[in-house]
């Protein structure tokens, strides 16, 4: 029985017109491919969302052209009484520079001013102001000034600071500088 069916199929295929399969399947393939090109969508909400996104993107690109770009503002550096930003971090004499954790180390002692002193629970503190009107509380042992001055004594109207003497770079001498309370009348 199987052999007979096989023989019938063989005879039918030999009688077929050459290219008949191509002629039959080509229109089917064409209909299948063109069915996806229609304007109507089975998902109209998705189509609306896509249309909105396309409009928003176009709006964003157009708004970039409307930016008001201003040229940078020139800044003049006044380095008087300030450390050069190009120094390699070495103290005179080659000693390694300590990491500055105190903002008062950014100023020379001549730029700092004593505002007053306070004694609280046996500890004496001094209040120092900087040229930019910031006030800092210091105590004995704190490092202030750009020459690593260490506060050695706080009295009611004077703060004594021991700092490196930079007048003689070959000698490692220290000097005592006093910040005195000024009467402002």
C-alpha atoms as a PDB file:
ATOM      1  CA  UNK A   1       0.000   0.000   0.000  1.00  0.00           C
ATOM      2  CA  UNK A   2       2.771   2.432   0.874  1.00  0.00           C
ATOM      3  CA  UNK A   3       4.635   1.540  -2.245  1.00  0.00           C
ATOM      4  CA  UNK A   4       1.581   2.273  -4.328  1.00  0.00           C
ATOM      5  CA  UNK A   5       1.099   5.742  -2.754  1.00  0.00           C
ATOM      6  CA  UNK A   6       4.733   6.469  -3.349  1.00  0.00           C
ATOM      7  CA  UNK A   7       4.428   5.535  -6.980  1.00  0.00           C
ATOM      8  CA  UNK A   8       1.343   7.721  -7.424  1.00  0.00           C
ATOM      9  CA  UNK A   9       3.132  10.712  -5.906  1.00  0.00           C
ATOM     10  CA  UNK A  10       6.121  10.126  -8.109  1.00  0.00           C
ATOM     11  CA  UNK A  11       3.988  10.080 -11.237  1.00  0.00           C
ATOM     12  CA  UNK A  12       2.190  13.273 -10.214  1.00  0.00           C
ATOM     13  CA  UNK A  13       5.428  15.121  -9.632  1.00  0.00           C
ATOM     14  CA  UNK A  14       6.821  14.022 -12.998  1.00  0.00           C
ATOM     15  CA  UNK A  15       3.713  15.335 -14.770  1.00  0.00           C
ATOM     16  CA  UNK A  16       3.928  18.719 -13.027  1.00  0.00           C
ATOM     17  CA  UNK A  17       4.848  21.733 -15.061  1.00  0.00           C
ATOM     18  CA  UNK A  18       8.369  22.922 -14.328  1.00  0.00           C
ATOM     19  CA  UNK A  19       8.204  26.075 -12.137  1.00  0.00           C
ATOM     20  CA  UNK A  20       4.601  25.368 -11.040  1.00  0.00           C
ATOM     21  CA  UNK A  21       5.657  25.339  -7.400  1.00  0.00           C
ATOM     22  CA  UNK A  22       7.334  28.734  -7.866  1.00  0.00           C
ATOM     23  CA  UNK A  23       4.267  30.183  -9.560  1.00  0.00           C
ATOM     24  CA  UNK A  24       2.016  28.905  -6.783  1.00  0.00           C
ATOM     25  CA  UNK A  25       4.187  29.971  -3.796  1.00  0.00           C
ATOM     26  CA  UNK A  26       5.282  33.357  -5.142  1.00  0.00           C
ATOM     27  CA  UNK A  27       1.834  35.033  -4.900  1.00  0.00           C
ATOM     28  CA  UNK A  28       1.345  33.518  -1.432  1.00  0.00           C
ATOM     29  CA  UNK A  29       4.678  34.913  -0.299  1.00  0.00           C
ATOM     30  CA  UNK A  30       3.898  38.296  -1.823  1.00  0.00           C
ATOM     31  CA  UNK A  31       0.493  38.481  -0.071  1.00  0.00           C
ATOM     32  CA  UNK A  32       2.106  37.469   3.213  1.00  0.00           C
ATOM     33  CA  UNK A  33       4.829  40.130   2.980  1.00  0.00           C
ATOM     34  CA  UNK A  34       2.505  42.924   1.902  1.00  0.00           C
ATOM     35  CA  UNK A  35       0.016  42.205   4.656  1.00  0.00           C
ATOM     36  CA  UNK A  36       2.485  43.741   7.183  1.00  0.00           C
ATOM     37  CA  UNK A  37       2.789  47.017   5.272  1.00  0.00           C
ATOM     38  CA  UNK A  38      -0.704  48.303   5.920  1.00  0.00           C
ATOM     39  CA  UNK A  39      -1.288  51.653   7.665  1.00  0.00           C
ATOM     40  CA  UNK A  40      -3.798  50.228  10.094  1.00  0.00           C
ATOM     41  CA  UNK A  41      -2.181  48.893  13.232  1.00  0.00           C
ATOM     42  CA  UNK A  42      -3.610  46.289  15.560  1.00  0.00           C
ATOM     43  CA  UNK A  43      -2.141  48.426  18.409  1.00  0.00           C
ATOM     44  CA  UNK A  44      -3.378  52.005  17.928  1.00  0.00           C
ATOM     45  CA  UNK A  45      -2.280  53.105  21.428  1.00  0.00           C
ATOM     46  CA  UNK A  46       1.264  51.966  20.684  1.00  0.00           C
ATOM     47  CA  UNK A  47       1.231  53.869  17.405  1.00  0.00           C
ATOM     48  CA  UNK A  48       0.044  57.048  19.204  1.00  0.00           C
ATOM     49  CA  UNK A  49       2.813  56.677  21.786  1.00  0.00           C
ATOM     50  CA  UNK A  50       5.447  56.271  19.070  1.00  0.00           C
ATOM     51  CA  UNK A  51       4.144  59.362  17.236  1.00  0.00           C
ATOM     52  CA  UNK A  52       4.363  61.419  20.468  1.00  0.00           C
ATOM     53  CA  UNK A  53       7.938  60.243  21.119  1.00  0.00           C
ATOM     54  CA  UNK A  54       8.989  61.209  17.601  1.00  0.00           C
ATOM     55  CA  UNK A  55       7.545  64.702  18.083  1.00  0.00           C
ATOM     56  CA  UNK A  56       9.198  65.158  21.483  1.00  0.00           C
ATOM     57  CA  UNK A  57      12.592  64.100  20.195  1.00  0.00           C
ATOM     58  CA  UNK A  58      12.306  66.525  17.322  1.00  0.00           C
ATOM     59  CA  UNK A  59      11.377  69.255  19.809  1.00  0.00           C
ATOM     60  CA  UNK A  60      14.390  68.481  21.997  1.00  0.00           C
ATOM     61  CA  UNK A  61      16.763  68.678  19.046  1.00  0.00           C
ATOM     62  CA  UNK A  62      15.287  71.980  17.934  1.00  0.00           C
ATOM     63  CA  UNK A  63      15.587  73.420  21.450  1.00  0.00           C
ATOM     64  CA  UNK A  64      19.328  72.670  21.496  1.00  0.00           C
ATOM     65  CA  UNK A  65      19.817  75.208  18.747  1.00  0.00           C
ATOM     66  CA  UNK A  66      18.198  77.888  20.899  1.00  0.00           C
ATOM     67  CA  UNK A  67      20.752  77.657  23.751  1.00  0.00           C
ATOM     68  CA  UNK A  68      22.344  80.937  24.758  1.00  0.00           C
ATOM     69  CA  UNK A  69      26.039  80.132  25.145  1.00  0.00           C
ATOM     70  CA  UNK A  70      28.090  82.751  26.959  1.00  0.00           C
ATOM     71  CA  UNK A  71      31.871  82.971  26.751  1.00  0.00           C
ATOM     72  CA  UNK A  72      33.814  82.205  29.953  1.00  0.00           C
ATOM     73  CA  UNK A  73      34.568  85.083  32.296  1.00  0.00           C
ATOM     74  CA  UNK A  74      38.235  86.011  32.576  1.00  0.00           C
ATOM     75  CA  UNK A  75      39.630  85.791  36.106  1.00  0.00           C
ATOM     76  CA  UNK A  76      42.689  87.736  37.181  1.00  0.00           C
ATOM     77  CA  UNK A  77      44.812  85.975  39.804  1.00  0.00           C
ATOM     78  CA  UNK A  78      46.255  88.303  42.423  1.00  0.00           C
ATOM     79  CA  UNK A  79      48.986  86.290  44.094  1.00  0.00           C
ATOM     80  CA  UNK A  80      50.076  88.904  46.651  1.00  0.00           C
ATOM     81  CA  UNK A  81      50.522  87.291  50.046  1.00  0.00           C
ATOM     82  CA  UNK A  82      49.292  83.915  48.809  1.00  0.00           C
ATOM     83  CA  UNK A  83      51.025  80.652  48.093  1.00  0.00           C
ATOM     84  CA  UNK A  84      51.672  80.006  44.423  1.00  0.00           C
ATOM     85  CA  UNK A  85      49.411  77.267  43.042  1.00  0.00           C
ATOM     86  CA  UNK A  86      52.399  75.984  41.055  1.00  0.00           C
ATOM     87  CA  UNK A  87      54.707  75.251  44.006  1.00  0.00           C
ATOM     88  CA  UNK A  88      55.695  71.641  44.462  1.00  0.00           C
ATOM     89  CA  UNK A  89      54.731  71.548  48.156  1.00  0.00           C
ATOM     90  CA  UNK A  90      58.237  71.873  49.633  1.00  0.00           C
ATOM     91  CA  UNK A  91      59.145  74.040  52.617  1.00  0.00           C
ATOM     92  CA  UNK A  92      62.350  76.072  52.442  1.00  0.00           C
ATOM     93  CA  UNK A  93      65.187  73.740  53.355  1.00  0.00           C
ATOM     94  CA  UNK A  94      63.670  70.695  51.644  1.00  0.00           C
ATOM     95  CA  UNK A  95      61.482  69.445  54.511  1.00  0.00           C
ATOM     96  CA  UNK A  96      58.290  67.748  53.347  1.00  0.00           C
ATOM     97  CA  UNK A  97      55.168  69.876  53.588  1.00  0.00           C
ATOM     98  CA  UNK A  98      52.510  68.605  55.989  1.00  0.00           C
ATOM     99  CA  UNK A  99      48.970  68.206  54.752  1.00  0.00           C
ATOM    100  CA  UNK A 100      47.024  71.341  55.600  1.00  0.00           C
ATOM    101  CA  UNK A 101      43.998  70.448  57.701  1.00  0.00           C
ATOM    102  CA  UNK A 102      43.613  73.927  59.178  1.00  0.00           C
ATOM    103  CA  UNK A 103      42.279  76.718  56.917  1.00  0.00           C
ATOM    104  CA  UNK A 104      44.449  79.203  58.837  1.00  0.00           C
ATOM    105  CA  UNK A 105      47.528  77.652  57.211  1.00  0.00           C
ATOM    106  CA  UNK A 106      46.559  79.302  53.929  1.00  0.00           C
ATOM    107  CA  UNK A 107      47.408  82.779  55.294  1.00  0.00           C
ATOM    108  CA  UNK A 108      50.575  84.396  56.546  1.00  0.00           C
ATOM    109  CA  UNK A 109      50.530  85.439  60.199  1.00  0.00           C
ATOM    110  CA  UNK A 110      50.586  89.113  59.186  1.00  0.00           C
ATOM    111  CA  UNK A 111      47.180  88.615  57.530  1.00  0.00           C
ATOM    112  CA  UNK A 112      45.561  87.036  60.619  1.00  0.00           C
ATOM    113  CA  UNK A 113      43.997  89.074  63.430  1.00  0.00           C
ATOM    114  CA  UNK A 114      43.263  88.164  67.046  1.00  0.00           C
ATOM    115  CA  UNK A 115      39.639  88.868  67.983  1.00  0.00           C
ATOM    116  CA  UNK A 116      39.753  87.684  71.586  1.00  0.00           C
ATOM    117  CA  UNK A 117      40.277  84.804  73.971  1.00  0.00           C
ATOM    118  CA  UNK A 118      37.945  82.622  76.033  1.00  0.00           C
ATOM    119  CA  UNK A 119      38.741  80.312  78.931  1.00  0.00           C
ATOM    120  CA  UNK A 120      36.288  77.449  79.274  1.00  0.00           C
ATOM    121  CA  UNK A 121      36.621  74.522  81.736  1.00  0.00           C
ATOM    122  CA  UNK A 122      40.311  75.300  82.244  1.00  0.00           C
ATOM    123  CA  UNK A 123      41.104  75.384  78.514  1.00  0.00           C
ATOM    124  CA  UNK A 124      41.967  78.684  76.817  1.00  0.00           C
ATOM    125  CA  UNK A 125      40.911  79.319  73.245  1.00  0.00           C
ATOM    126  CA  UNK A 126      41.689  82.207  70.917  1.00  0.00           C
ATOM    127  CA  UNK A 127      39.449  83.488  68.128  1.00  0.00           C
ATOM    128  CA  UNK A 128      41.339  84.411  64.951  1.00  0.00           C
ATOM    129  CA  UNK A 129      39.854  86.144  61.888  1.00  0.00           C
ATOM    130  CA  UNK A 130      41.085  85.865  58.303  1.00  0.00           C
ATOM    131  CA  UNK A 131      41.074  88.535  55.556  1.00  0.00           C
ATOM    132  CA  UNK A 132      37.823  87.088  54.201  1.00  0.00           C
ATOM    133  CA  UNK A 133      36.178  87.683  57.626  1.00  0.00           C
ATOM    134  CA  UNK A 134      35.974  84.026  58.647  1.00  0.00           C
ATOM    135  CA  UNK A 135      36.458  83.406  62.388  1.00  0.00           C
ATOM    136  CA  UNK A 136      38.269  80.320  63.696  1.00  0.00           C
ATOM    137  CA  UNK A 137      38.770  78.996  67.230  1.00  0.00           C
ATOM    138  CA  UNK A 138      42.325  77.814  68.005  1.00  0.00           C
ATOM    139  CA  UNK A 139      44.150  76.470  71.028  1.00  0.00           C
ATOM    140  CA  UNK A 140      47.731  75.793  72.145  1.00  0.00           C
ATOM    141  CA  UNK A 141      49.372  73.284  69.781  1.00  0.00           C
ATOM    142  CA  UNK A 142      47.383  74.242  66.664  1.00  0.00           C
ATOM    143  CA  UNK A 143      49.306  74.998  63.466  1.00  0.00           C
ATOM    144  CA  UNK A 144      48.508  78.348  61.823  1.00  0.00           C
ATOM    145  CA  UNK A 145      50.165  80.520  59.188  1.00  0.00           C
ATOM    146  CA  UNK A 146      51.900  79.598  55.962  1.00  0.00           C
ATOM    147  CA  UNK A 147      55.238  78.939  57.743  1.00  0.00           C
ATOM    148  CA  UNK A 148      53.848  76.179  59.996  1.00  0.00           C
ATOM    149  CA  UNK A 149      53.569  78.315  63.082  1.00  0.00           C
ATOM    150  CA  UNK A 150      52.609  76.424  66.207  1.00  0.00           C
ATOM    151  CA  UNK A 151      50.647  78.209  68.925  1.00  0.00           C
ATOM    152  CA  UNK A 152      52.790  77.992  72.055  1.00  0.00           C
ATOM    153  CA  UNK A 153      50.967  80.342  74.423  1.00  0.00           C
ATOM    154  CA  UNK A 154      47.582  82.072  74.686  1.00  0.00           C
ATOM    155  CA  UNK A 155      47.234  85.052  77.010  1.00  0.00           C
ATOM    156  CA  UNK A 156      44.185  87.322  77.382  1.00  0.00           C
ATOM    157  CA  UNK A 157      45.416  89.809  74.750  1.00  0.00           C
ATOM    158  CA  UNK A 158      48.308  87.993  72.981  1.00  0.00           C
ATOM    159  CA  UNK A 159      48.768  84.721  71.100  1.00  0.00           C
ATOM    160  CA  UNK A 160      52.398  83.607  70.691  1.00  0.00           C
ATOM    161  CA  UNK A 161      53.214  81.530  67.618  1.00  0.00           C
ATOM    162  CA  UNK A 162      56.537  79.747  66.967  1.00  0.00           C
ATOM    163  CA  UNK A 163      57.205  79.588  63.192  1.00  0.00           C
ATOM    164  CA  UNK A 164      60.051  78.831  60.790  1.00  0.00           C
ATOM    165  CA  UNK A 165      62.235  81.834  59.999  1.00  0.00           C
ATOM    166  CA  UNK A 166      62.286  82.140  56.214  1.00  0.00           C
ATOM    167  CA  UNK A 167      64.669  85.119  56.152  1.00  0.00           C
ATOM    168  CA  UNK A 168      67.625  82.702  56.245  1.00  0.00           C
ATOM    169  CA  UNK A 169      66.741  79.704  54.048  1.00  0.00           C
ATOM    170  CA  UNK A 170      70.036  77.917  54.783  1.00  0.00           C
ATOM    171  CA  UNK A 171      69.463  77.912  58.542  1.00  0.00           C
ATOM    172  CA  UNK A 172      66.522  76.158  60.175  1.00  0.00           C
ATOM    173  CA  UNK A 173      65.746  78.788  62.763  1.00  0.00           C
ATOM    174  CA  UNK A 174      62.469  79.452  64.494  1.00  0.00           C
ATOM    175  CA  UNK A 175      61.080  82.742  65.700  1.00  0.00           C
ATOM    176  CA  UNK A 176      58.208  83.755  67.959  1.00  0.00           C
ATOM    177  CA  UNK A 177      55.527  85.951  66.391  1.00  0.00           C
ATOM    178  CA  UNK A 178      52.829  87.526  68.564  1.00  0.00           C
ATOM    179  CA  UNK A 179      49.283  88.248  67.447  1.00  0.00           C
ATOM    180  CA  UNK A 180      48.040  91.089  69.616  1.00  0.00           C
ATOM    181  CA  UNK A 181      44.492  92.124  70.383  1.00  0.00           C
ATOM    182  CA  UNK A 182      43.743  95.425  68.689  1.00  0.00           C
ATOM    183  CA  UNK A 183      41.431  97.998  70.213  1.00  0.00           C
ATOM    184  CA  UNK A 184      38.970  99.175  67.588  1.00  0.00           C
ATOM    185  CA  UNK A 185      37.666 102.603  68.576  1.00  0.00           C
END
